[in-house]
Amino acid sequence: MTSRLPEALCNALRTLFRQRFSQGESTRLQHGRDESVHQPQMPDGVVLAENIEEIVSTVKLCAAHGVPLIPYGVGSSVEGHVLAPGGGISLDLSGMNQVLAIHAEDGDATVQAGVTRKQLNDALKGSGLFFPIDPGADATIGGMAATRASGTNAVRYGTMKDNVLATTTVLADGRVMKTGGRARKSSAGYDLTRLLVGSEGTLGIMAELTVKLYPIPEAISAAVCTFPDIESAVQTVIQTIQLGVPVARIELLDALSLKAINQFSKTTLAEAPTLFFEFHGSPAGVEEQAETVQAIAGDLGGANFEWATRPEDRTRLWQARHDAYFACLQLKPGCRCFPTDVCVPISRLAECIAETNEDIAQVSIPIALFGHVGDGNFHLVVLVDPDNIKEMEEAAWISRRVVERAIAMEGTCTGEHGIGLGKRKYLVAEHGEVAVEVMRAVKRALDPAGLLNPGKVLP
């Protein structure tokens, strides 16, 4: 391949990074694809940064040569966030994996952007604290902040926007900006931290982050309950939330998802609409929560309420849930996932899922439905052959239908995956022309040359 990068830039990067700058095809392909149906779009080179000074140097060099720069964590996103439609440099931050400080008495930690959620929780062992945001994949903290990730615990602990206190961010011209602080609240100026969380690497590169930690609950109990239909399961969720039960996790899986999980994880779960629950608190509080939810579920046809109180049983249960995405891929070997995730007000959840299932019945491709329904968020795993035009058309139709339905119900086109390349076309419908133009103005102010993760977020 003839490099599109200026020779002077390549020479400077080789001098700075030696073997940590690569233009090898396999490395570029790894950094030019994600976990979705999006076709790979490779960068022209890959830099593996190990500290903030190296980020600054790379940013300044790319700015001087007008070369795009795409931040990269572990590549677990599903909306094309790490793809390089205009080539350029992929800046891999996975080597920045140091936990810099743990302030147990204040309940926060400062980490480099490449620390993964599992690495952070391993570092917290013995402290009595944990980091709760759990999107399933062992994503980096920087990547989770960039996409405003959430996951199974969000119904109780919130999303990344609720749990990032501060950042150290490299701007498009190489300046280093501190945002936020370790205080739990502040009224000082614009909330730049919240602006960066969810910006998908288009406004700056978060090099260090300070995140909230939480006490490990005194008691934890998990349960599984099956239902005769999706409607009954969703109504159980709605009533649980409306009653104010402080449940930690509520996950919905349809029959197809359970079939896939059983085949993939060698489990024997009933292949019927199912809710997974987890309760956190004191032993008495957990028991009370569970009894309340069990009574609600029973009134709505829920059956086979099974408990998992031993840590190993809970781990096995939630690992099966986290395997759902990859399990579904095995239902159609060789396929790719055309993902979509929406979030609606909890009162509209049953209606949204019911109408979505009516759409699913009209297409020929397999589609699994599961999600973090405790906060109104659900996913469709639409399995397609990317080379099959009919399947891709059906997938695009079902995705468009569920997104337009969610927006019409005053929800969002993405509850946690982010916009990336895949959902740019829905941003105006959700936020309006004025809001999107303000977003463009912010982008122009912070990245006037448009070099930071170009083509993402803004239509």
Protein backbone atom coordinates (compact mmCIF):
# COMPACT_ATOMS: atom_id res chain seq x y z
CA MET A 1 0.00 0.00 0.00
CA THR A 2 1.17 3.52 -0.80
CA SER A 3 0.80 5.52 2.40
CA ARG A 4 -1.46 8.58 2.32
CA LEU A 5 0.45 9.97 5.29
CA PRO A 6 3.04 12.69 4.69
CA GLU A 7 6.54 11.23 4.80
CA ALA A 8 7.64 13.87 7.30
CA LEU A 9 4.85 12.79 9.67
CA CYS A 10 5.77 9.11 9.37
CA ASN A 11 9.43 9.88 10.05
CA ALA A 12 8.55 11.94 13.10
CA LEU A 13 6.27 9.21 14.46
CA ARG A 14 8.91 6.51 13.89
CA THR A 15 11.44 8.61 15.74
CA LEU A 16 9.09 9.16 18.66
CA PHE A 17 7.49 5.72 18.94
CA ARG A 18 9.80 3.28 17.11
CA GLN A 19 7.97 -0.10 17.10
CA ARG A 20 4.88 1.54 18.66
CA PHE A 21 4.12 3.20 15.32
CA SER A 22 2.88 0.72 12.74
CA GLN A 23 1.63 0.81 9.19
CA GLY A 24 1.28 -2.97 8.95
CA GLU A 25 -1.94 -4.12 7.32
CA SER A 26 -2.99 -6.48 10.10
CA THR A 27 -2.54 -3.78 12.76
CA ARG A 28 -4.41 -1.24 10.67
CA LEU A 29 -7.27 -3.71 10.03
CA GLN A 30 -7.55 -4.44 13.76
CA HIS A 31 -7.92 -0.70 14.41
CA GLY A 32 -10.28 -0.11 11.50
CA ARG A 33 -13.17 -2.37 12.46
CA ASP A 34 -15.59 -2.81 15.35
CA GLU A 35 -18.10 -5.43 16.49
CA SER A 36 -20.87 -4.46 14.08
CA VAL A 37 -21.98 -4.76 10.49
CA HIS A 38 -20.02 -1.64 9.47
CA GLN A 39 -17.45 -2.46 6.81
CA PRO A 40 -13.83 -2.01 7.97
CA GLN A 41 -12.27 1.36 7.19
CA MET A 42 -8.59 1.26 8.04
CA PRO A 43 -6.40 4.08 9.29
CA ASP A 44 -3.11 4.74 7.51
CA GLY A 45 -1.10 4.17 10.65
CA VAL A 46 -1.43 3.21 14.31
CA VAL A 47 0.27 4.84 17.29
CA LEU A 48 0.37 3.10 20.68
CA ALA A 49 0.59 5.84 23.29
CA GLU A 50 1.77 5.18 26.85
CA ASN A 51 1.44 8.59 28.49
CA ILE A 52 -0.21 11.96 28.11
CA GLU A 53 2.95 13.55 26.66
CA GLU A 54 2.84 11.09 23.78
CA ILE A 55 -0.80 11.97 23.11
CA VAL A 56 0.14 15.65 23.00
CA SER A 57 3.03 14.97 20.60
CA THR A 58 0.83 12.90 18.27
CA VAL A 59 -1.98 15.46 18.30
CA LYS A 60 0.42 18.30 17.48
CA LEU A 61 2.02 16.36 14.64
CA CYS A 62 -1.34 15.42 13.13
CA ALA A 63 -2.55 19.01 13.47
CA ALA A 64 0.58 20.33 11.74
CA HIS A 65 0.10 17.94 8.81
CA GLY A 66 -3.72 18.11 8.63
CA VAL A 67 -4.09 14.37 9.32
CA PRO A 68 -7.19 12.87 11.01
CA LEU A 69 -6.78 11.29 14.44
CA ILE A 70 -9.09 8.56 15.78
CA PRO A 71 -8.88 7.57 19.49
CA TYR A 72 -9.01 3.81 20.09
CA GLY A 73 -9.59 1.78 23.27
CA VAL A 74 -10.24 -1.92 22.71
CA GLY A 75 -12.56 -1.67 19.69
CA SER A 76 -15.69 -3.02 21.40
CA SER A 77 -18.04 -0.32 20.08
CA VAL A 78 -20.83 -1.15 17.62
CA GLU A 79 -21.60 2.09 15.76
CA GLY A 80 -18.39 2.58 13.79
CA HIS A 81 -16.74 4.87 16.35
CA VAL A 82 -13.19 3.62 15.66
CA LEU A 83 -13.43 3.38 11.88
CA ALA A 84 -11.27 5.67 9.76
CA PRO A 85 -13.38 6.82 6.77
CA GLY A 86 -10.76 9.41 5.86
CA GLY A 87 -7.69 7.41 6.85
CA GLY A 88 -5.29 9.07 9.24
CA ILE A 89 -3.82 7.89 12.54
CA SER A 90 -5.51 5.55 15.02
CA LEU A 91 -4.31 6.54 18.50
CA ASP A 92 -4.42 3.38 20.62
CA LEU A 93 -4.68 4.25 24.33
CA SER A 94 -4.85 0.68 25.65
CA GLY A 95 -1.23 0.97 26.88
CA MET A 96 -2.25 3.80 29.18
CA ASN A 97 -3.51 1.35 31.77
CA GLN A 98 -2.35 2.70 35.12
CA VAL A 99 -4.65 3.23 38.09
CA LEU A 100 -3.16 6.53 39.27
CA ALA A 101 -4.93 7.02 42.61
CA ILE A 102 -7.64 5.43 44.73
CA HIS A 103 -9.25 7.68 47.32
CA ALA A 104 -11.24 5.14 49.30
CA GLU A 105 -12.31 7.65 51.93
CA ASP A 106 -13.85 9.87 49.23
CA GLY A 107 -15.14 7.09 46.99
CA ASP A 108 -13.29 7.98 43.79
CA ALA A 109 -10.36 6.86 41.66
CA THR A 110 -8.22 8.48 38.98
CA VAL A 111 -7.17 6.28 36.08
CA GLN A 112 -5.53 6.53 32.70
CA ALA A 113 -7.93 6.21 29.79
CA GLY A 114 -6.78 2.70 28.82
CA VAL A 115 -7.68 1.10 32.15
CA THR A 116 -10.55 -1.36 31.62
CA ARG A 117 -13.46 -1.72 34.01
CA LYS A 118 -12.23 -5.17 35.11
CA GLN A 119 -8.71 -3.82 35.74
CA LEU A 120 -10.14 -1.07 37.91
CA ASN A 121 -12.26 -3.47 39.93
CA ASP A 122 -9.28 -5.80 40.38
CA ALA A 123 -7.30 -2.84 41.74
CA LEU A 124 -10.14 -2.10 44.16
CA LYS A 125 -10.14 -5.56 45.77
CA GLY A 126 -9.81 -5.24 49.50
CA SER A 127 -11.00 -1.63 49.54
CA GLY A 128 -14.69 -2.46 50.04
CA LEU A 129 -15.49 -0.43 46.90
CA PHE A 130 -16.33 -1.18 43.28
CA PHE A 131 -16.90 0.59 39.98
CA PRO A 132 -20.43 -0.37 38.85
CA ILE A 133 -20.72 0.65 35.20
CA ASP A 134 -20.85 -2.62 33.29
CA PRO A 135 -21.59 -2.53 29.54
CA GLY A 136 -20.76 -6.22 29.18
CA ALA A 137 -17.56 -5.88 27.17
CA ASP A 138 -14.37 -5.24 29.14
CA ALA A 139 -14.16 -1.77 27.63
CA THR A 140 -11.68 0.91 28.62
CA ILE A 141 -12.80 3.64 31.00
CA GLY A 142 -11.87 6.24 28.38
CA GLY A 143 -13.92 4.49 25.71
CA MET A 144 -16.86 4.08 28.06
CA ALA A 145 -16.76 7.79 28.85
CA ALA A 146 -16.43 8.71 25.18
CA THR A 147 -19.59 6.79 24.26
CA ARG A 148 -21.45 7.63 27.50
CA ALA A 149 -21.78 3.89 28.17
CA SER A 150 -24.00 2.31 30.79
CA GLY A 151 -25.05 -1.34 31.05
CA THR A 152 -26.77 -3.70 33.42
CA ASN A 153 -26.28 -1.65 36.62
CA ALA A 154 -27.51 1.66 35.22
CA VAL A 155 -30.96 1.46 36.77
CA ARG A 156 -29.37 1.90 40.21
CA TYR A 157 -25.95 3.48 39.63
CA GLY A 158 -26.53 5.59 36.53
CA THR A 159 -24.43 5.82 33.38
CA MET A 160 -20.95 7.19 32.68
CA LYS A 161 -22.33 10.74 32.58
CA ASP A 162 -23.29 10.32 36.24
CA ASN A 163 -19.98 8.77 37.29
CA VAL A 164 -17.17 10.81 35.70
CA LEU A 165 -16.09 13.58 38.06
CA ALA A 166 -13.10 14.98 36.19
CA THR A 167 -10.93 14.55 33.10
CA THR A 168 -7.54 15.51 31.78
CA THR A 169 -8.16 16.02 28.08
CA VAL A 170 -5.89 16.81 25.15
CA LEU A 171 -7.51 19.29 22.75
CA ALA A 172 -7.16 19.30 18.98
CA ASP A 173 -4.25 21.77 19.07
CA GLY A 174 -2.33 19.82 21.73
CA ARG A 175 -3.29 21.92 24.73
CA VAL A 176 -4.06 19.98 27.91
CA MET A 177 -7.32 20.89 29.65
CA LYS A 178 -8.47 19.88 33.13
CA THR A 179 -12.23 19.60 33.62
CA GLY A 180 -14.25 19.01 36.76
CA GLY A 181 -12.73 18.00 40.07
CA ARG A 182 -13.03 15.57 42.95
CA ALA A 183 -15.74 17.52 44.76
CA ARG A 184 -19.14 15.85 44.43
CA LYS A 185 -20.80 19.04 43.25
CA SER A 186 -19.80 22.38 41.76
CA SER A 187 -21.53 25.45 40.32
CA ALA A 188 -18.35 26.86 38.78
CA GLY A 189 -18.74 27.60 35.08
CA TYR A 190 -19.83 25.39 32.20
CA ASP A 191 -19.86 21.65 32.82
CA LEU A 192 -17.10 20.72 30.40
CA THR A 193 -16.80 17.22 31.82
CA ARG A 194 -20.38 16.40 30.81
CA LEU A 195 -19.70 17.95 27.40
CA LEU A 196 -16.80 15.56 26.82
CA VAL A 197 -18.58 12.47 28.15
CA GLY A 198 -20.44 11.16 25.13
CA SER A 199 -18.53 13.25 22.58
CA GLU A 200 -17.02 10.09 21.05
CA GLY A 201 -13.53 11.55 20.67
CA THR A 202 -14.70 14.38 18.42
CA LEU A 203 -13.97 17.25 20.86
CA GLY A 204 -10.84 16.06 22.65
CA ILE A 205 -8.95 12.97 23.76
CA MET A 206 -9.57 12.07 27.39
CA ALA A 207 -6.23 10.89 28.78
CA GLU A 208 -7.10 10.60 32.47
CA LEU A 209 -10.43 10.34 34.26
CA THR A 210 -11.64 10.51 37.84
CA VAL A 211 -14.65 8.28 38.45
CA LYS A 212 -17.01 7.57 41.33
CA LEU A 213 -16.76 4.39 43.35
CA TYR A 214 -19.44 2.73 45.48
CA PRO A 215 -19.43 0.52 48.59
CA ILE A 216 -19.80 -3.17 47.84
CA PRO A 217 -23.30 -4.07 49.06
CA GLU A 218 -23.56 -6.01 52.30
CA ALA A 219 -25.90 -8.47 50.61
CA ILE A 220 -26.49 -9.33 46.94
CA SER A 221 -29.11 -11.66 45.56
CA ALA A 222 -29.99 -12.51 41.96
CA ALA A 223 -33.09 -14.17 40.55
CA VAL A 224 -34.52 -15.44 37.27
CA CYS A 225 -38.22 -15.48 36.45
CA THR A 226 -39.97 -16.64 33.26
CA PHE A 227 -43.19 -15.23 31.78
CA PRO A 228 -45.83 -16.41 29.34
CA ASP A 229 -45.14 -13.41 27.07
CA ILE A 230 -43.02 -10.29 26.70
CA GLU A 231 -45.92 -8.03 27.73
CA SER A 232 -46.17 -9.64 31.19
CA ALA A 233 -42.44 -9.35 31.74
CA VAL A 234 -42.37 -5.69 30.75
CA GLN A 235 -45.37 -4.87 32.95
CA THR A 236 -43.48 -6.46 35.86
CA VAL A 237 -40.58 -4.10 35.18
CA ILE A 238 -42.82 -1.05 34.95
CA GLN A 239 -44.63 -1.82 38.20
CA THR A 240 -41.33 -2.54 39.99
CA ILE A 241 -39.88 0.83 38.99
CA GLN A 242 -43.08 2.75 39.67
CA LEU A 243 -43.27 1.26 43.18
CA GLY A 244 -39.77 2.59 43.85
CA VAL A 245 -38.14 -0.78 44.51
CA PRO A 246 -34.37 0.02 44.48
CA VAL A 247 -33.48 -2.93 42.29
CA ALA A 248 -29.87 -2.93 41.02
CA ARG A 249 -30.42 -4.71 37.70
CA ILE A 250 -33.43 -5.78 35.64
CA GLU A 251 -32.64 -7.48 32.33
CA LEU A 252 -35.17 -8.73 29.78
CA LEU A 253 -34.36 -11.52 27.32
CA ASP A 254 -36.74 -12.95 24.76
CA ALA A 255 -37.05 -16.64 23.89
CA LEU A 256 -34.60 -16.44 20.98
CA SER A 257 -31.97 -14.81 23.20
CA LEU A 258 -32.36 -17.61 25.77
CA LYS A 259 -32.03 -20.25 23.06
CA ALA A 260 -28.79 -18.65 21.91
CA ILE A 261 -27.45 -18.36 25.47
CA ASN A 262 -28.21 -22.02 26.24
CA GLN A 263 -26.36 -23.15 23.13
CA PHE A 264 -23.40 -20.82 23.68
CA SER A 265 -23.00 -20.94 27.47
CA LYS A 266 -24.22 -24.53 27.99
CA THR A 267 -26.93 -23.32 30.36
CA THR A 268 -30.38 -24.84 30.80
CA LEU A 269 -32.49 -21.71 31.20
CA ALA A 270 -36.12 -21.87 30.11
CA GLU A 271 -36.44 -20.63 26.52
CA ALA A 272 -39.23 -18.18 27.25
CA PRO A 273 -39.43 -14.42 27.93
CA THR A 274 -37.31 -14.01 31.06
CA LEU A 275 -36.29 -11.34 33.55
CA PHE A 276 -32.95 -11.39 35.35
CA PHE A 277 -32.94 -9.42 38.62
CA GLU A 278 -30.26 -8.39 41.07
CA PHE A 279 -30.86 -6.81 44.48
CA HIS A 280 -28.27 -4.90 46.55
CA GLY A 281 -28.45 -3.73 50.16
CA SER A 282 -28.68 -5.08 53.67
CA PRO A 283 -29.81 -8.71 54.13
CA ALA A 284 -33.24 -7.54 55.30
CA GLY A 285 -33.50 -4.95 52.53
CA VAL A 286 -32.57 -7.42 49.82
CA GLU A 287 -35.11 -9.92 51.13
CA GLU A 288 -37.84 -7.28 51.17
CA GLN A 289 -37.03 -6.11 47.63
CA ALA A 290 -37.06 -9.67 46.33
CA GLU A 291 -40.36 -10.54 48.00
CA THR A 292 -41.98 -7.42 46.55
CA VAL A 293 -40.77 -8.17 43.03
CA GLN A 294 -41.72 -11.82 43.28
CA ALA A 295 -45.25 -10.83 44.26
CA ILE A 296 -45.52 -8.40 41.33
CA ALA A 297 -44.21 -11.03 38.91
CA GLY A 298 -46.55 -13.68 40.29
CA ASP A 299 -49.59 -11.47 39.74
CA LEU A 300 -48.55 -11.07 36.10
CA GLY A 301 -47.96 -14.74 35.36
CA GLY A 302 -44.29 -14.93 36.33
CA ALA A 303 -43.19 -18.44 37.30
CA ASN A 304 -40.12 -20.50 38.16
CA PHE A 305 -38.63 -17.76 40.34
CA GLU A 306 -35.11 -19.12 40.90
CA TRP A 307 -32.59 -17.58 43.31
CA ALA A 308 -28.83 -17.27 43.01
CA THR A 309 -27.32 -16.09 46.28
CA ARG A 310 -23.89 -17.74 46.08
CA PRO A 311 -21.31 -15.51 44.33
CA GLU A 312 -20.36 -18.25 41.86
CA ASP A 313 -24.00 -18.78 40.86
CA ARG A 314 -24.56 -15.04 40.38
CA THR A 315 -21.38 -14.78 38.34
CA ARG A 316 -22.48 -17.66 36.11
CA LEU A 317 -25.91 -16.07 35.62
CA TRP A 318 -24.61 -12.63 34.70
CA GLN A 319 -21.84 -14.05 32.53
CA ALA A 320 -24.55 -15.81 30.55
CA ARG A 321 -26.34 -12.47 30.16
CA HIS A 322 -23.15 -10.73 29.06
CA ASP A 323 -22.56 -13.50 26.51
CA ALA A 324 -25.94 -12.82 24.91
CA TYR A 325 -24.56 -10.68 22.07
CA PHE A 326 -21.92 -13.19 20.99
CA ALA A 327 -24.30 -16.07 21.66
CA CYS A 328 -26.81 -14.57 19.24
CA LEU A 329 -24.14 -14.29 16.55
CA GLN A 330 -23.78 -18.08 16.67
CA LEU A 331 -27.43 -18.50 15.67
CA LYS A 332 -26.36 -17.64 12.15
CA PRO A 333 -22.70 -18.57 11.62
CA GLY A 334 -20.76 -16.11 9.51
CA CYS A 335 -23.26 -13.32 10.08
CA ARG A 336 -22.66 -9.82 11.40
CA CYS A 337 -24.82 -7.81 13.76
CA PHE A 338 -26.82 -4.80 12.60
CA PRO A 339 -27.25 -3.37 16.09
CA THR A 340 -29.74 -0.89 17.40
CA ASP A 341 -30.56 0.19 20.92
CA VAL A 342 -33.24 2.64 21.93
CA CYS A 343 -34.47 3.99 25.23
CA VAL A 344 -37.95 5.29 26.03
CA PRO A 345 -39.76 6.59 29.12
CA ILE A 346 -40.58 3.57 31.29
CA SER A 347 -44.33 4.16 30.85
CA ARG A 348 -43.98 3.66 27.06
CA LEU A 349 -41.71 0.61 27.23
CA ALA A 350 -44.39 -2.06 26.87
CA GLU A 351 -45.97 -0.27 23.92
CA CYS A 352 -42.62 0.26 22.21
CA ILE A 353 -41.58 -3.38 22.56
CA ALA A 354 -44.99 -4.69 21.47
CA GLU A 355 -44.98 -2.62 18.28
CA THR A 356 -41.36 -3.58 17.64
CA ASN A 357 -42.24 -7.27 17.89
CA GLU A 358 -44.98 -6.71 15.29
CA ASP A 359 -42.29 -5.35 12.96
CA ILE A 360 -39.94 -8.25 13.73
CA ALA A 361 -42.67 -10.67 12.63
CA GLN A 362 -42.63 -9.08 9.15
CA VAL A 363 -38.99 -9.80 8.28
CA SER A 364 -37.18 -13.00 7.37
CA ILE A 365 -33.95 -12.47 9.34
CA PRO A 366 -33.47 -13.67 12.94
CA ILE A 367 -33.74 -10.84 15.50
CA ALA A 368 -33.16 -11.24 19.22
CA LEU A 369 -34.46 -8.72 21.75
CA PHE A 370 -32.92 -8.05 25.14
CA GLY A 371 -32.03 -5.06 27.22
CA HIS A 372 -31.61 -3.08 30.39
CA VAL A 373 -35.32 -2.54 30.70
CA GLY A 374 -35.13 -1.13 34.22
CA ASP A 375 -34.32 2.21 32.61
CA GLY A 376 -36.35 1.74 29.43
CA ASN A 377 -33.42 0.63 27.25
CA PHE A 378 -33.57 -2.40 24.95
CA HIS A 379 -31.49 -3.81 22.10
CA LEU A 380 -32.20 -5.65 18.90
CA VAL A 381 -29.54 -8.03 17.61
CA VAL A 382 -30.37 -8.15 13.91
CA LEU A 383 -28.37 -10.95 12.27
CA VAL A 384 -27.44 -10.35 8.64
CA ASP A 385 -25.13 -11.42 5.87
CA PRO A 386 -23.58 -8.05 4.86
CA ASP A 387 -23.35 -9.27 1.26
CA ASN A 388 -27.07 -10.10 1.08
CA ILE A 389 -28.87 -7.01 -0.20
CA LYS A 390 -32.34 -8.19 0.92
CA GLU A 391 -31.17 -8.91 4.46
CA MET A 392 -29.41 -5.55 4.73
CA GLU A 393 -32.55 -3.78 3.49
CA GLU A 394 -34.69 -5.61 6.07
CA ALA A 395 -32.19 -4.77 8.81
CA ALA A 396 -32.14 -1.09 7.85
CA TRP A 397 -35.95 -1.05 7.82
CA ILE A 398 -36.33 -2.61 11.27
CA SER A 399 -33.66 -0.32 12.70
CA ARG A 400 -35.31 2.76 11.25
CA ARG A 401 -38.72 1.69 12.51
CA VAL A 402 -37.61 1.15 16.11
CA VAL A 403 -35.62 4.39 16.20
CA GLU A 404 -38.44 6.50 14.77
CA ARG A 405 -40.86 4.86 17.20
CA ALA A 406 -38.61 5.61 20.18
CA ILE A 407 -38.15 9.25 19.18
CA ALA A 408 -41.91 9.64 18.68
CA MET A 409 -42.37 8.34 22.23
CA GLU A 410 -40.00 11.06 23.52
CA GLY A 411 -37.15 8.59 23.80
CA THR A 412 -33.76 8.40 22.11
CA CYS A 413 -32.22 6.69 19.10
CA THR A 414 -29.48 5.24 21.30
CA GLY A 415 -29.56 4.46 24.99
CA GLU A 416 -25.88 3.56 25.27
CA HIS A 417 -24.19 2.58 22.00
CA GLY A 418 -23.69 6.17 20.85
CA ILE A 419 -24.04 7.80 17.43
CA GLY A 420 -20.76 7.04 15.65
CA LEU A 421 -21.32 6.58 11.93
CA GLY A 422 -24.48 4.53 12.22
CA LYS A 423 -27.03 6.93 13.73
CA ARG A 424 -25.98 10.38 12.54
CA LYS A 425 -29.08 10.63 10.38
CA TYR A 426 -31.35 10.57 13.45
CA LEU A 427 -29.71 13.38 15.40
CA VAL A 428 -31.80 16.20 13.93
CA ALA A 429 -35.04 14.23 14.37
CA GLU A 430 -34.23 13.72 18.05
CA HIS A 431 -32.74 17.09 18.98
CA GLY A 432 -33.88 19.53 16.28
CA GLU A 433 -31.93 21.72 13.87
CA VAL A 434 -31.08 24.39 16.44
CA ALA A 435 -29.53 21.95 18.91
CA VAL A 436 -27.52 20.20 16.20
CA GLU A 437 -26.21 23.56 14.93
CA VAL A 438 -25.10 24.39 18.48
CA MET A 439 -23.28 21.03 18.52
CA ARG A 440 -21.60 21.98 15.24
CA ALA A 441 -20.55 25.32 16.74
CA VAL A 442 -18.97 23.55 19.70
CA LYS A 443 -17.15 21.20 17.33
CA ARG A 444 -15.86 24.12 15.25
CA ALA A 445 -14.68 25.95 18.37
CA LEU A 446 -12.73 22.99 19.76
CA ASP A 447 -11.66 21.31 16.51
CA PRO A 448 -11.76 23.92 13.72
CA ALA A 449 -9.88 21.71 11.27
CA GLY A 450 -12.21 18.75 11.93
CA LEU A 451 -9.36 16.29 12.58
CA LEU A 452 -10.61 14.57 15.74
CA ASN A 453 -12.56 11.41 14.81
CA PRO A 454 -14.00 13.05 11.70
CA GLY A 455 -17.34 11.94 10.31
CA LYS A 456 -18.68 10.73 13.66
CA VAL A 457 -21.72 12.04 15.60
CA LEU A 458 -22.68 15.06 13.49
CA PRO A 459 -24.68 14.49 10.30
